[in-house]
Amino acid sequence: MTTMARETTPRTPEAPRDTDVRRHELAAFLRSRRERIAPEQVGLPRGRRRRTPGLRREEVAQLSAVGVTWYTWLEQARDIQVSVQVLDALARALLLDPSERAHLFRLAGAADPTPATTCPSVTPAMRALLEQVEPFPACLQNSRYDILAHNRTYGLLLCDLDTVPPEDRNCMLLSYTHAEWQSSIVHLEETQRLMAARFRATMAGHLTEPAWKMLLDRLHKESPAFRTAWDRHEVVSHRSKRKEFRNRHVGRVTVDHTDLWLTPGTGPRIVTYVPADEESRERLERLQAIALSKGTGPQLGR
């Protein structure tokens, strides 16, 4: 009986999966960013025996509030899950600029919960429109209340927005956590309650999105007033409304709030405040003059 040898075909090496490539790219990127940062840049002492270029792994872990072992696994390209909260913390700890931050989230296959400093939806035409409606305060917001851009007058209406970090320029957050913003709203408690109700109604379409969940978590942690309003489970739709503000530069102004929607749904919108009386118009003109004297122009909010 003859035994025939079975022909075998050499096995072709498997091509690396996209996720494997991304993990290794992410590991290399994290190492490169860590090694370029001097300890002094993040408030850490250099010490005499430092041999590691830049920061040590344990220092990045400490700054990001994550475990040293877990962060080491990241730099070793281990197959572990990375939350958007951790990516956000790493981006801050490693002092990433907007392009680097976007690259970090792309490598991790995650959606950045914080809008970029330059928002592609804010076109030159929209910025020109914001400028043209002055002295009426106006801004561009998304459905999550992030202020994406604003004109000069809006920038001084409730506080000096130039002094607010870009990641904090959110009307929900400012209304519940920023002292000067709150003091500028005449009917604060009513405004907070309505905003929470509108936010709940809008969030129904974004329940699983990381950016919405992060904002909701932050509001819960930082504002007892928000927790109280949120627990009412009230919902209201967006509508035009007369508002009163107490501006620290020009005094009290009464305005009619109007949303100019940019899409068929309740997505991005231009928010305008038209003076309700002649006295308010004159005060907004004075506020615009003050803003002009500061030398600021229409601003990107984030």
Protein backbone atom coordinates (compact mmCIF):
# COMPACT_ATOMS: atom_id res chain seq x y z
CA MET A 1 0.00 0.00 0.00
CA THR A 2 1.46 3.26 -1.06
CA THR A 3 1.13 6.30 1.12
CA MET A 4 0.87 9.49 -0.83
CA ALA A 5 2.39 12.53 0.69
CA ARG A 6 -0.14 15.27 1.27
CA GLU A 7 0.80 18.45 -0.51
CA THR A 8 0.82 21.43 1.72
CA THR A 9 0.68 25.04 0.75
CA PRO A 10 2.84 27.40 2.78
CA ARG A 11 0.61 29.43 5.06
CA THR A 12 0.56 33.09 4.20
CA PRO A 13 1.23 35.23 7.25
CA GLU A 14 -1.91 36.99 8.36
CA ALA A 15 -1.98 40.69 7.70
CA PRO A 16 -2.07 42.74 10.87
CA ARG A 17 -5.54 43.83 11.82
CA ASP A 18 -6.44 47.50 11.75
CA THR A 19 -6.99 47.49 15.51
CA ASP A 20 -3.50 46.03 16.08
CA VAL A 21 -1.92 48.71 13.94
CA ARG A 22 -3.86 51.41 15.76
CA ARG A 23 -2.80 50.10 19.17
CA HIS A 24 0.88 50.17 18.22
CA GLU A 25 0.56 53.62 16.68
CA LEU A 26 -1.20 54.82 19.84
CA ALA A 27 1.54 53.35 22.03
CA ALA A 28 4.28 55.04 19.99
CA PHE A 29 2.41 58.34 19.96
CA LEU A 30 1.93 58.33 23.74
CA ARG A 31 5.62 57.56 24.30
CA SER A 32 6.71 60.35 21.97
CA ARG A 33 4.45 62.91 23.64
CA ARG A 34 5.52 61.82 27.13
CA GLU A 35 9.22 62.07 26.31
CA ARG A 36 9.00 65.62 24.99
CA ILE A 37 7.52 67.16 28.17
CA ALA A 38 9.89 68.50 30.80
CA PRO A 39 8.75 67.86 34.39
CA GLU A 40 8.79 71.59 35.07
CA GLN A 41 6.11 72.12 32.42
CA VAL A 42 3.59 70.22 34.53
CA GLY A 43 4.75 71.40 37.94
CA LEU A 44 6.92 68.39 38.84
CA PRO A 45 10.49 68.56 40.23
CA ARG A 46 13.21 67.31 37.91
CA GLY A 47 15.41 65.71 40.57
CA ARG A 48 19.08 64.79 40.18
CA ARG A 49 18.83 61.17 39.06
CA ARG A 50 16.37 61.52 36.20
CA ARG A 51 17.50 59.50 33.21
CA THR A 52 14.16 59.26 31.39
CA PRO A 53 13.71 61.91 28.70
CA GLY A 54 10.64 63.91 29.57
CA LEU A 55 8.10 62.43 31.97
CA ARG A 56 8.11 58.97 33.51
CA ARG A 57 5.18 56.63 32.94
CA GLU A 58 4.15 56.83 36.57
CA GLU A 59 4.10 60.63 36.35
CA VAL A 60 1.76 60.57 33.35
CA ALA A 61 -0.43 58.09 35.20
CA GLN A 62 -0.50 60.34 38.26
CA LEU A 63 -1.35 63.45 36.22
CA SER A 64 -4.11 61.56 34.40
CA ALA A 65 -5.48 59.84 37.53
CA VAL A 66 -5.08 56.35 36.02
CA GLY A 67 -3.19 53.29 37.26
CA VAL A 68 0.51 52.98 36.44
CA THR A 69 0.10 49.38 35.27
CA TRP A 70 -2.86 50.30 33.08
CA TYR A 71 -0.96 53.20 31.47
CA THR A 72 2.08 50.95 30.95
CA TRP A 73 -0.15 48.47 29.10
CA LEU A 74 -1.26 51.30 26.84
CA GLU A 75 2.35 52.08 25.91
CA GLN A 76 2.93 48.36 25.38
CA ALA A 77 0.04 48.23 22.87
CA ARG A 78 -1.91 45.76 25.00
CA ASP A 79 -5.48 44.99 23.89
CA ILE A 80 -7.36 47.02 26.51
CA GLN A 81 -10.39 49.29 26.36
CA VAL A 82 -9.82 53.02 26.70
CA SER A 83 -12.69 55.30 27.72
CA VAL A 84 -13.12 58.80 26.33
CA GLN A 85 -12.74 60.14 29.88
CA VAL A 86 -9.26 58.61 30.13
CA LEU A 87 -8.30 59.84 26.67
CA ASP A 88 -9.43 63.33 27.66
CA ALA A 89 -7.31 63.15 30.84
CA LEU A 90 -4.27 61.93 28.89
CA ALA A 91 -4.65 64.71 26.34
CA ARG A 92 -4.60 67.28 29.14
CA ALA A 93 -1.72 65.65 31.02
CA LEU A 94 0.41 65.44 27.86
CA LEU A 95 -0.39 69.05 26.88
CA LEU A 96 -1.67 68.02 23.45
CA ASP A 97 -2.61 70.74 21.01
CA PRO A 98 -5.93 70.40 19.08
CA SER A 99 -4.36 68.48 16.17
CA GLU A 100 -2.57 66.07 18.50
CA ARG A 101 -5.70 65.59 20.58
CA ALA A 102 -7.72 64.74 17.46
CA HIS A 103 -4.99 62.28 16.42
CA LEU A 104 -5.09 60.61 19.86
CA PHE A 105 -8.84 60.01 19.64
CA ARG A 106 -8.60 58.74 16.06
CA LEU A 107 -5.92 56.21 17.01
CA ALA A 108 -8.06 55.04 19.92
CA GLY A 109 -11.11 54.74 17.64
CA ALA A 110 -13.13 57.06 19.87
CA ALA A 111 -15.18 60.20 19.33
CA ASP A 112 -13.74 63.27 21.02
CA PRO A 113 -16.38 64.60 23.47
CA THR A 114 -14.89 68.09 23.37
CA PRO A 115 -15.35 70.06 20.13
CA ALA A 116 -12.12 71.13 18.51
CA THR A 117 -10.82 74.67 18.85
CA THR A 118 -11.45 75.20 15.16
CA CYS A 119 -14.92 73.92 14.38
CA PRO A 120 -15.41 73.08 10.70
CA SER A 121 -19.10 73.99 10.95
CA VAL A 122 -18.20 77.61 11.79
CA THR A 123 -17.75 78.98 8.30
CA PRO A 124 -16.38 82.44 7.44
CA ALA A 125 -19.91 83.39 6.34
CA MET A 126 -21.31 82.52 9.78
CA ARG A 127 -18.59 84.49 11.52
CA ALA A 128 -19.36 87.46 9.25
CA LEU A 129 -23.06 87.14 10.10
CA LEU A 130 -22.34 87.19 13.83
CA GLU A 131 -20.34 90.37 13.33
CA GLN A 132 -22.99 92.03 11.15
CA VAL A 133 -25.80 91.68 13.70
CA GLU A 134 -23.91 93.71 16.29
CA PRO A 135 -24.65 95.46 18.58
CA PHE A 136 -27.11 92.59 19.07
CA PRO A 137 -25.41 89.80 21.05
CA ALA A 138 -25.25 86.57 19.05
CA CYS A 139 -23.48 83.24 19.19
CA LEU A 140 -23.40 79.90 17.41
CA GLN A 141 -24.33 76.93 19.59
CA ASN A 142 -24.75 73.22 19.00
CA SER A 143 -27.57 71.19 20.49
CA ARG A 144 -25.47 70.49 23.60
CA TYR A 145 -25.20 74.24 24.39
CA ASP A 146 -21.50 74.44 23.48
CA ILE A 147 -20.65 77.98 22.37
CA LEU A 148 -18.86 77.41 19.06
CA ALA A 149 -18.47 81.07 18.12
CA HIS A 150 -19.71 84.45 19.31
CA ASN A 151 -19.55 88.13 18.47
CA ARG A 152 -18.01 90.90 20.58
CA THR A 153 -21.16 91.98 22.36
CA TYR A 154 -22.12 88.45 23.35
CA GLY A 155 -18.59 87.96 24.63
CA LEU A 156 -19.20 90.57 27.36
CA LEU A 157 -22.93 90.08 27.95
CA LEU A 158 -22.92 87.59 30.83
CA CYS A 159 -19.21 87.44 31.62
CA ASP A 160 -15.91 87.98 29.83
CA LEU A 161 -15.92 84.83 27.70
CA ASP A 162 -12.28 85.38 26.76
CA THR A 163 -11.36 84.45 30.35
CA VAL A 164 -13.32 81.17 30.23
CA PRO A 165 -11.33 78.09 29.12
CA PRO A 166 -12.60 76.85 25.73
CA GLU A 167 -13.67 73.49 27.18
CA ASP A 168 -15.91 75.31 29.70
CA ARG A 169 -17.75 77.49 27.16
CA ASN A 170 -21.03 75.69 27.47
CA CYS A 171 -24.21 77.54 28.46
CA MET A 172 -25.48 74.72 30.67
CA LEU A 173 -22.20 74.52 32.55
CA LEU A 174 -21.87 78.30 32.86
CA SER A 175 -25.47 78.71 34.07
CA TYR A 176 -24.92 76.20 36.87
CA THR A 177 -21.27 76.67 37.87
CA HIS A 178 -19.95 80.12 36.83
CA ALA A 179 -20.58 82.80 39.47
CA GLU A 180 -20.44 85.87 37.20
CA TRP A 181 -22.57 84.24 34.50
CA GLN A 182 -25.15 83.35 37.13
CA SER A 183 -25.17 86.84 38.64
CA SER A 184 -25.92 88.30 35.19
CA ILE A 185 -29.18 86.34 34.81
CA VAL A 186 -32.03 88.22 36.48
CA HIS A 187 -34.35 85.21 36.82
CA LEU A 188 -31.66 82.62 37.49
CA GLU A 189 -33.67 79.84 39.13
CA GLU A 190 -36.32 79.86 36.41
CA THR A 191 -33.67 79.97 33.69
CA GLN A 192 -31.76 77.05 35.20
CA ARG A 193 -34.91 74.97 35.50
CA LEU A 194 -35.94 75.61 31.88
CA MET A 195 -32.45 74.88 30.57
CA ALA A 196 -32.33 71.55 32.42
CA ALA A 197 -35.73 70.65 30.98
CA ARG A 198 -34.65 71.57 27.43
CA PHE A 199 -31.39 69.70 27.88
CA ARG A 200 -33.25 66.56 29.00
CA ALA A 201 -35.63 66.79 26.03
CA THR A 202 -32.78 67.19 23.54
CA MET A 203 -30.58 64.55 25.16
CA ALA A 204 -33.21 61.89 24.46
CA GLY A 205 -31.72 61.65 20.98
CA HIS A 206 -28.12 61.44 22.24
CA LEU A 207 -28.30 59.12 25.25
CA THR A 208 -25.34 56.94 24.28
CA GLU A 209 -23.02 59.68 23.00
CA PRO A 210 -19.91 60.16 25.17
CA ALA A 211 -19.86 63.96 24.96
CA TRP A 212 -23.42 64.22 26.29
CA LYS A 213 -22.78 61.72 29.06
CA MET A 214 -19.60 63.51 30.12
CA LEU A 215 -21.39 66.85 30.30
CA LEU A 216 -24.24 65.32 32.29
CA ASP A 217 -21.79 63.68 34.71
CA ARG A 218 -19.91 66.93 35.18
CA LEU A 219 -23.11 68.88 35.90
CA HIS A 220 -24.17 66.28 38.44
CA LYS A 221 -20.80 66.45 40.20
CA GLU A 222 -20.39 70.22 40.23
CA SER A 223 -23.91 71.57 40.79
CA PRO A 224 -26.43 70.59 43.48
CA ALA A 225 -28.91 72.96 41.79
CA PHE A 226 -28.61 70.97 38.58
CA ARG A 227 -29.17 67.68 40.39
CA THR A 228 -32.36 69.09 41.89
CA ALA A 229 -33.62 70.36 38.53
CA TRP A 230 -32.66 67.14 36.73
CA ASP A 231 -34.48 64.97 39.24
CA ARG A 232 -37.76 66.70 38.33
CA HIS A 233 -37.69 64.94 34.93
CA GLU A 234 -39.25 67.98 33.29
CA VAL A 235 -39.04 68.43 29.52
CA VAL A 236 -39.79 71.50 27.40
CA SER A 237 -39.15 72.34 23.77
CA HIS A 238 -37.09 75.26 22.54
CA ARG A 239 -38.99 78.49 22.14
CA SER A 240 -38.36 82.22 21.87
CA LYS A 241 -38.46 84.05 25.17
CA ARG A 242 -37.93 87.51 26.65
CA LYS A 243 -34.89 87.61 28.93
CA GLU A 244 -33.39 90.07 31.35
CA PHE A 245 -29.68 90.37 32.05
CA ARG A 246 -27.76 92.37 34.63
CA ASN A 247 -24.56 93.36 32.84
CA ARG A 248 -21.66 94.59 34.99
CA HIS A 249 -20.63 97.17 32.37
CA VAL A 250 -23.89 98.80 31.29
CA GLY A 251 -26.57 97.64 33.74
CA ARG A 252 -29.85 95.88 33.10
CA VAL A 253 -30.89 94.95 29.55
CA THR A 254 -34.08 93.31 28.30
CA VAL A 255 -33.87 91.26 25.13
CA ASP A 256 -35.93 88.90 23.00
CA HIS A 257 -34.17 85.58 22.50
CA THR A 258 -34.50 83.93 19.07
CA ASP A 259 -32.98 80.70 17.74
CA LEU A 260 -32.10 80.61 14.04
CA TRP A 261 -31.80 76.89 13.24
CA LEU A 262 -29.14 75.85 10.73
CA THR A 263 -30.56 72.35 10.11
CA PRO A 264 -34.09 70.89 9.95
CA GLY A 265 -33.64 69.33 13.40
CA THR A 266 -32.74 70.86 16.75
CA GLY A 267 -29.02 70.86 16.02
CA PRO A 268 -26.70 73.85 15.55
CA ARG A 269 -28.29 77.27 15.75
CA ILE A 270 -27.48 80.95 15.84
CA VAL A 271 -28.76 82.46 19.08
CA THR A 272 -29.63 86.16 18.92
CA TYR A 273 -30.68 88.67 21.59
CA VAL A 274 -32.63 91.61 20.14
CA PRO A 275 -33.17 94.58 22.50
CA ALA A 276 -36.78 94.80 23.66
CA ASP A 277 -36.72 98.56 24.28
CA GLU A 278 -34.75 101.67 23.37
CA GLU A 279 -32.89 101.80 26.66
CA SER A 280 -31.65 98.24 26.19
CA ARG A 281 -30.60 99.03 22.62
CA GLU A 282 -28.54 102.00 23.81
CA ARG A 283 -26.92 99.89 26.52
CA LEU A 284 -26.02 97.14 24.08
CA GLU A 285 -24.44 99.75 21.80
CA ARG A 286 -22.34 100.90 24.76
CA LEU A 287 -21.42 97.30 25.50
CA GLN A 288 -20.28 96.81 21.91
CA ALA A 289 -18.12 99.94 22.20
CA ILE A 290 -16.52 98.54 25.36
CA ALA A 291 -15.82 95.25 23.57
CA LEU A 292 -14.32 97.13 20.62
CA SER A 293 -12.06 99.06 22.97
CA LYS A 294 -10.69 95.73 24.17
CA GLY A 295 -9.61 95.03 20.62
CA THR A 296 -11.44 91.72 20.30
CA GLY A 297 -13.22 90.40 17.24
CA PRO A 298 -15.77 87.65 16.64
CA GLN A 299 -14.45 84.62 18.47
CA LEU A 300 -14.46 80.90 17.98
CA GLY A 301 -15.86 79.54 21.18
CA ARG A 302 -13.82 76.32 21.36
